[in-house]
Amino acid sequence: MRLRQLPGGSLLHVEPLEDCSFDEAGQAAVVRAVFAADPLPYAGFERVFNREVRIVLRVD
């Protein structure tokens, strides 16, 4: 997943990576789950903040 966020942790955009192996329903579920966590933690993490974050999820 690729996440774009503002300083403060508010999400702007969440999208599957091009090589995502999840089907369409799985991708949509992950996008909903990420937005459900909005805003992401920010306080205490300002020094490592990045506007774009890449997260790799695997299903076993």
PDB file of N, CA and C in Angstrom:
ATOM      1  N   MET A   1       0.834  -1.164   0.000  1.00  0.00           N
ATOM      2  CA  MET A   1       0.000   0.000   0.000  1.00  0.00           C
ATOM      3  C   MET A   1       0.888   1.239   0.000  1.00  0.00           C
ATOM      4  N   ARG A   2       0.424   2.251  -0.669  1.00  0.00           N
ATOM      5  CA  ARG A   2       1.089   3.551  -0.672  1.00  0.00           C
ATOM      6  C   ARG A   2       0.158   4.530   0.027  1.00  0.00           C
ATOM      7  N   LEU A   3       0.672   5.173   1.066  1.00  0.00           N
ATOM      8  CA  LEU A   3      -0.109   6.132   1.835  1.00  0.00           C
ATOM      9  C   LEU A   3       0.499   7.512   1.667  1.00  0.00           C
ATOM     10  N   ARG A   4      -0.334   8.508   1.496  1.00  0.00           N
ATOM     11  CA  ARG A   4       0.117   9.904   1.500  1.00  0.00           C
ATOM     12  C   ARG A   4      -0.589  10.585   2.659  1.00  0.00           C
ATOM     13  N   GLN A   5       0.206  11.304   3.460  1.00  0.00           N
ATOM     14  CA  GLN A   5      -0.335  11.917   4.663  1.00  0.00           C
ATOM     15  C   GLN A   5       0.204  13.332   4.846  1.00  0.00           C
ATOM     16  N   LEU A   6      -0.514  14.076   5.649  1.00  0.00           N
ATOM     17  CA  LEU A   6      -0.098  15.422   6.016  1.00  0.00           C
ATOM     18  C   LEU A   6       0.642  15.373   7.344  1.00  0.00           C
ATOM     19  N   PRO A   7       1.487  16.376   7.615  1.00  0.00           N
ATOM     20  CA  PRO A   7       2.028  16.464   8.965  1.00  0.00           C
ATOM     21  C   PRO A   7       0.854  16.497   9.947  1.00  0.00           C
ATOM     22  N   GLY A   8       0.943  15.695  10.974  1.00  0.00           N
ATOM     23  CA  GLY A   8      -0.174  15.538  11.895  1.00  0.00           C
ATOM     24  C   GLY A   8      -0.812  14.172  11.736  1.00  0.00           C
ATOM     25  N   GLY A   9      -0.503  13.475  10.634  1.00  0.00           N
ATOM     26  CA  GLY A   9      -0.971  12.117  10.434  1.00  0.00           C
ATOM     27  C   GLY A   9      -2.250  11.957   9.646  1.00  0.00           C
ATOM     28  N   SER A  10      -2.876  13.047   9.214  1.00  0.00           N
ATOM     29  CA  SER A  10      -4.115  12.927   8.435  1.00  0.00           C
ATOM     30  C   SER A  10      -3.818  12.335   7.062  1.00  0.00           C
ATOM     31  N   LEU A  11      -4.585  11.317   6.701  1.00  0.00           N
ATOM     32  CA  LEU A  11      -4.382  10.642   5.419  1.00  0.00           C
ATOM     33  C   LEU A  11      -5.008  11.426   4.275  1.00  0.00           C
ATOM     34  N   LEU A  12      -4.280  11.520   3.182  1.00  0.00           N
ATOM     35  CA  LEU A  12      -4.786  12.143   1.966  1.00  0.00           C
ATOM     36  C   LEU A  12      -5.217  11.101   0.948  1.00  0.00           C
ATOM     37  N   HIS A  13      -4.414  10.030   0.850  1.00  0.00           N
ATOM     38  CA  HIS A  13      -4.643   9.054  -0.216  1.00  0.00           C
ATOM     39  C   HIS A  13      -4.051   7.715   0.205  1.00  0.00           C
ATOM     40  N   VAL A  14      -4.757   6.651  -0.125  1.00  0.00           N
ATOM     41  CA  VAL A  14      -4.269   5.289   0.098  1.00  0.00           C
ATOM     42  C   VAL A  14      -4.550   4.507  -1.169  1.00  0.00           C
ATOM     43  N   GLU A  15      -3.534   3.821  -1.691  1.00  0.00           N
ATOM     44  CA  GLU A  15      -3.735   3.030  -2.907  1.00  0.00           C
ATOM     45  C   GLU A  15      -2.865   1.781  -2.863  1.00  0.00           C
ATOM     46  N   PRO A  16      -3.326   0.716  -3.510  1.00  0.00           N
ATOM     47  CA  PRO A  16      -2.512  -0.499  -3.590  1.00  0.00           C
ATOM     48  C   PRO A  16      -1.284  -0.257  -4.465  1.00  0.00           C
ATOM     49  N   LEU A  17      -0.201  -0.935  -4.149  1.00  0.00           N
ATOM     50  CA  LEU A  17       0.982  -0.895  -5.004  1.00  0.00           C
ATOM     51  C   LEU A  17       0.693  -1.665  -6.285  1.00  0.00           C
ATOM     52  N   GLU A  18       1.442  -1.371  -7.316  1.00  0.00           N
ATOM     53  CA  GLU A  18       1.215  -1.986  -8.621  1.00  0.00           C
ATOM     54  C   GLU A  18       1.304  -3.512  -8.572  1.00  0.00           C
ATOM     55  N   ASP A  19       2.190  -4.035  -7.738  1.00  0.00           N
ATOM     56  CA  ASP A  19       2.393  -5.486  -7.680  1.00  0.00           C
ATOM     57  C   ASP A  19       1.601  -6.160  -6.556  1.00  0.00           C
ATOM     58  N   CYS A  20       0.566  -5.503  -6.064  1.00  0.00           N
ATOM     59  CA  CYS A  20      -0.247  -6.050  -4.978  1.00  0.00           C
ATOM     60  C   CYS A  20      -0.887  -7.373  -5.411  1.00  0.00           C
ATOM     61  N   SER A  21      -0.745  -8.391  -4.575  1.00  0.00           N
ATOM     62  CA  SER A  21      -1.282  -9.712  -4.918  1.00  0.00           C
ATOM     63  C   SER A  21      -2.709  -9.928  -4.406  1.00  0.00           C
ATOM     64  N   PHE A  22      -3.262  -8.962  -3.677  1.00  0.00           N
ATOM     65  CA  PHE A  22      -4.635  -9.091  -3.186  1.00  0.00           C
ATOM     66  C   PHE A  22      -5.602  -8.875  -4.343  1.00  0.00           C
ATOM     67  N   ASP A  23      -6.748  -9.544  -4.289  1.00  0.00           N
ATOM     68  CA  ASP A  23      -7.769  -9.296  -5.301  1.00  0.00           C
ATOM     69  C   ASP A  23      -8.425  -7.942  -5.014  1.00  0.00           C
ATOM     70  N   GLU A  24      -9.335  -7.532  -5.874  1.00  0.00           N
ATOM     71  CA  GLU A  24      -9.958  -6.210  -5.751  1.00  0.00           C
ATOM     72  C   GLU A  24     -10.656  -6.033  -4.408  1.00  0.00           C
ATOM     73  N   ALA A  25     -11.369  -7.064  -3.955  1.00  0.00           N
ATOM     74  CA  ALA A  25     -12.071  -6.979  -2.669  1.00  0.00           C
ATOM     75  C   ALA A  25     -11.078  -6.864  -1.513  1.00  0.00           C
ATOM     76  N   GLY A  26      -9.982  -7.595  -1.589  1.00  0.00           N
ATOM     77  CA  GLY A  26      -8.957  -7.526  -0.550  1.00  0.00           C
ATOM     78  C   GLY A  26      -8.288  -6.167  -0.500  1.00  0.00           C
ATOM     79  N   GLN A  27      -7.999  -5.614  -1.664  1.00  0.00           N
ATOM     80  CA  GLN A  27      -7.398  -4.280  -1.725  1.00  0.00           C
ATOM     81  C   GLN A  27      -8.334  -3.239  -1.126  1.00  0.00           C
ATOM     82  N   ALA A  28      -9.610  -3.319  -1.479  1.00  0.00           N
ATOM     83  CA  ALA A  28     -10.592  -2.361  -0.956  1.00  0.00           C
ATOM     84  C   ALA A  28     -10.706  -2.483   0.559  1.00  0.00           C
ATOM     85  N   ALA A  29     -10.648  -3.703   1.086  1.00  0.00           N
ATOM     86  CA  ALA A  29     -10.737  -3.912   2.533  1.00  0.00           C
ATOM     87  C   ALA A  29      -9.545  -3.289   3.250  1.00  0.00           C
ATOM     88  N   VAL A  30      -8.357  -3.434   2.675  1.00  0.00           N
ATOM     89  CA  VAL A  30      -7.168  -2.855   3.293  1.00  0.00           C
ATOM     90  C   VAL A  30      -7.237  -1.332   3.249  1.00  0.00           C
ATOM     91  N   VAL A  31      -7.670  -0.768   2.133  1.00  0.00           N
ATOM     92  CA  VAL A  31      -7.802   0.691   2.026  1.00  0.00           C
ATOM     93  C   VAL A  31      -8.771   1.199   3.092  1.00  0.00           C
ATOM     94  N   ARG A  32      -9.905   0.526   3.262  1.00  0.00           N
ATOM     95  CA  ARG A  32     -10.879   0.928   4.295  1.00  0.00           C
ATOM     96  C   ARG A  32     -10.268   0.836   5.690  1.00  0.00           C
ATOM     97  N   ALA A  33      -9.512  -0.225   5.945  1.00  0.00           N
ATOM     98  CA  ALA A  33      -8.894  -0.406   7.260  1.00  0.00           C
ATOM     99  C   ALA A  33      -7.878   0.691   7.556  1.00  0.00           C
ATOM    100  N   VAL A  34      -7.092   1.061   6.556  1.00  0.00           N
ATOM    101  CA  VAL A  34      -6.110   2.127   6.758  1.00  0.00           C
ATOM    102  C   VAL A  34      -6.825   3.442   7.044  1.00  0.00           C
ATOM    103  N   PHE A  35      -7.860   3.770   6.270  1.00  0.00           N
ATOM    104  CA  PHE A  35      -8.599   5.007   6.516  1.00  0.00           C
ATOM    105  C   PHE A  35      -9.304   4.983   7.867  1.00  0.00           C
ATOM    106  N   ALA A  36      -9.664   3.801   8.363  1.00  0.00           N
ATOM    107  CA  ALA A  36     -10.293   3.703   9.686  1.00  0.00           C
ATOM    108  C   ALA A  36      -9.312   4.094  10.791  1.00  0.00           C
ATOM    109  N   ALA A  37      -8.013   4.010  10.512  1.00  0.00           N
ATOM    110  CA  ALA A  37      -6.986   4.381  11.486  1.00  0.00           C
ATOM    111  C   ALA A  37      -6.611   5.860  11.400  1.00  0.00           C
ATOM    112  N   ASP A  38      -7.253   6.599  10.515  1.00  0.00           N
ATOM    113  CA  ASP A  38      -6.967   8.025  10.304  1.00  0.00           C
ATOM    114  C   ASP A  38      -7.424   8.842  11.506  1.00  0.00           C
ATOM    115  N   PRO A  39      -6.587   9.732  12.037  1.00  0.00           N
ATOM    116  CA  PRO A  39      -5.227  10.062  11.626  1.00  0.00           C
ATOM    117  C   PRO A  39      -4.230   9.048  12.188  1.00  0.00           C
ATOM    118  N   LEU A  40      -3.148   8.868  11.459  1.00  0.00           N
ATOM    119  CA  LEU A  40      -2.084   7.980  11.911  1.00  0.00           C
ATOM    120  C   LEU A  40      -1.300   8.661  13.032  1.00  0.00           C
ATOM    121  N   PRO A  41      -0.621   7.880  13.876  1.00  0.00           N
ATOM    122  CA  PRO A  41       0.166   8.484  14.962  1.00  0.00           C
ATOM    123  C   PRO A  41       1.199   9.466  14.403  1.00  0.00           C
ATOM    124  N   TYR A  42       1.317  10.607  15.053  1.00  0.00           N
ATOM    125  CA  TYR A  42       2.272  11.622  14.612  1.00  0.00           C
ATOM    126  C   TYR A  42       3.099  12.145  15.786  1.00  0.00           C
ATOM    127  N   ALA A  43       2.428  12.504  16.880  1.00  0.00           N
ATOM    128  CA  ALA A  43       3.127  13.067  18.042  1.00  0.00           C
ATOM    129  C   ALA A  43       4.200  12.092  18.516  1.00  0.00           C
ATOM    130  N   GLY A  44       5.411  12.593  18.627  1.00  0.00           N
ATOM    131  CA  GLY A  44       6.535  11.769  19.035  1.00  0.00           C
ATOM    132  C   GLY A  44       7.296  11.158  17.871  1.00  0.00           C
ATOM    133  N   PHE A  45       6.728  11.243  16.673  1.00  0.00           N
ATOM    134  CA  PHE A  45       7.367  10.667  15.486  1.00  0.00           C
ATOM    135  C   PHE A  45       7.724  11.745  14.453  1.00  0.00           C
ATOM    136  N   GLU A  46       7.694  12.999  14.859  1.00  0.00           N
ATOM    137  CA  GLU A  46       7.932  14.098  13.920  1.00  0.00           C
ATOM    138  C   GLU A  46       9.279  13.979  13.199  1.00  0.00           C
ATOM    139  N   ARG A  47      10.291  13.507  13.886  1.00  0.00           N
ATOM    140  CA  ARG A  47      11.638  13.432  13.294  1.00  0.00           C
ATOM    141  C   ARG A  47      11.730  12.406  12.176  1.00  0.00           C
ATOM    142  N   VAL A  48      10.865  11.410  12.179  1.00  0.00           N
ATOM    143  CA  VAL A  48      10.922  10.367  11.148  1.00  0.00           C
ATOM    144  C   VAL A  48       9.733  10.444  10.191  1.00  0.00           C
ATOM    145  N   PHE A  49       8.948  11.508  10.306  1.00  0.00           N
ATOM    146  CA  PHE A  49       7.762  11.663   9.461  1.00  0.00           C
ATOM    147  C   PHE A  49       8.148  11.719   7.992  1.00  0.00           C
ATOM    148  N   ASN A  50       7.326  11.064   7.166  1.00  0.00           N
ATOM    149  CA  ASN A  50       7.483  11.114   5.718  1.00  0.00           C
ATOM    150  C   ASN A  50       6.090  11.229   5.121  1.00  0.00           C
ATOM    151  N   ARG A  51       5.901  12.127   4.175  1.00  0.00           N
ATOM    152  CA  ARG A  51       4.576  12.309   3.561  1.00  0.00           C
ATOM    153  C   ARG A  51       4.089  11.070   2.830  1.00  0.00           C
ATOM    154  N   GLU A  52       5.010  10.310   2.254  1.00  0.00           N
ATOM    155  CA  GLU A  52       4.621   9.093   1.539  1.00  0.00           C
ATOM    156  C   GLU A  52       5.233   7.889   2.237  1.00  0.00           C
ATOM    157  N   VAL A  53       4.377   6.906   2.507  1.00  0.00           N
ATOM    158  CA  VAL A  53       4.797   5.692   3.207  1.00  0.00           C
ATOM    159  C   VAL A  53       4.376   4.493   2.368  1.00  0.00           C
ATOM    160  N   ARG A  54       5.260   3.538   2.263  1.00  0.00           N
ATOM    161  CA  ARG A  54       4.965   2.293   1.543  1.00  0.00           C
ATOM    162  C   ARG A  54       4.894   1.182   2.577  1.00  0.00           C
ATOM    163  N   ILE A  55       3.793   0.441   2.567  1.00  0.00           N
ATOM    164  CA  ILE A  55       3.588  -0.659   3.507  1.00  0.00           C
ATOM    165  C   ILE A  55       3.349  -1.931   2.700  1.00  0.00           C
ATOM    166  N   VAL A  56       4.083  -2.972   3.035  1.00  0.00           N
ATOM    167  CA  VAL A  56       3.918  -4.261   2.366  1.00  0.00           C
ATOM    168  C   VAL A  56       3.197  -5.201   3.326  1.00  0.00           C
ATOM    169  N   LEU A  57       2.066  -5.742   2.879  1.00  0.00           N
ATOM    170  CA  LEU A  57       1.279  -6.692   3.664  1.00  0.00           C
ATOM    171  C   LEU A  57       1.349  -8.050   2.991  1.00  0.00           C
ATOM    172  N   ARG A  58       1.465  -9.082   3.803  1.00  0.00           N
ATOM    173  CA  ARG A  58       1.494 -10.448   3.274  1.00  0.00           C
ATOM    174  C   ARG A  58       0.474 -11.288   4.027  1.00  0.00           C
ATOM    175  N   VAL A  59      -0.165 -12.177   3.310  1.00  0.00           N
ATOM    176  CA  VAL A  59      -1.117 -13.100   3.915  1.00  0.00           C
ATOM    177  C   VAL A  59      -0.474 -14.478   3.939  1.00  0.00           C
ATOM    178  N   ASP A  60      -0.468 -15.090   5.108  1.00  0.00           N
ATOM    179  CA  ASP A  60       0.081 -16.456   5.233  1.00  0.00           C
ATOM    180  C   ASP A  60      -1.023 -17.472   5.177  1.00  0.00           C
TER     181      ASP A  60
END
